[in-house]
Amino acid sequence: MNSDPVAFFVERGRWAAAGAPPSPTLPVKRVADFVEQVAMPTGARRVLHLGCGLGHLSIELARRGHRPVAVDVSPDLVAEARAQAMVKGVPVAFLAEELLALDFPPYFDLVLAVETELPFYGTATTFDVPLAHVAALLRPGGRLLFGRVGGPPRLHHRRVYETPAGRAVETVTFDEPTRTLTRTLRVEADGRTAHWRTYVPRPREIEESLAEAGFVVLGKWHQYDPHAVQVDARQPGLIWLAERI
């Protein structure tokens, strides 16, 4: 049993890369349109894409003239994404690494982390540690766009990965009183199980943590639509745009 979040993601990435569907799950072009319109409306930008997965969004941004560095902790997902970029002839720099291990200078115009737990993970007292690291990667005035649509994870969500190597079952649960998300991956061939837990902060906690890290909030949306401004906490999902002071 493994509680290391990096080991979990690496293991999950192997199964995801081997059994991934042929088309991306995100509406990639719509998300790219949204990113351009709300986060970088004045032209091509240097983008750090955290939790890039199979690289579909990074590839689309590069195709539009942006310069993404795409990062994921899973070497297998990164290898698959790099291969897809090469097939399409699109220049994307892919890197298999943890966020806190990145040591770039304050170079980027935009840090992008959508449909991923990044930049938050850990416990109620440590979930915001990555924000200060993200701030150090951005130039002054650089922006952070992060969040997800669809609201909190569904309770007892279950996904099966069918691959040539065997079968794995991923279970996702969310405990509202403790705000804890738990992912469990069981590899049926040998019975191995990996766990990963993280704290899911409330919007008020996110705003406080952004301010402490040197950000000012520019906007919030509940869909990948510039007109879908978040005005009611009951709306599902939340995408944040913040600027480094």
Foldseek 3Di string as FASTA:
>chain_A
DAADPLVVQQVVLVLCLQQPDPDDPDPQVLLLVLCCPPAPVPDAWEEEEEQCFLPPNVQVSQVVPHAYEYEAQHPSSQVNNVVVSVVVVGDYHYDNDDLVPDDAAQGGQEYEAEPDCPPAWDAPVCRLVSLLSVLRNHDAFHKYKYKYAFADDDAFDKDWRQGPVAIKIWTWHADVVRQKIKIWIAGVVVGDIYIYMGHDDDPVVVCVSCVVSQKDWDFKANDSDPVRGDDDPPHGMIMTMITHD
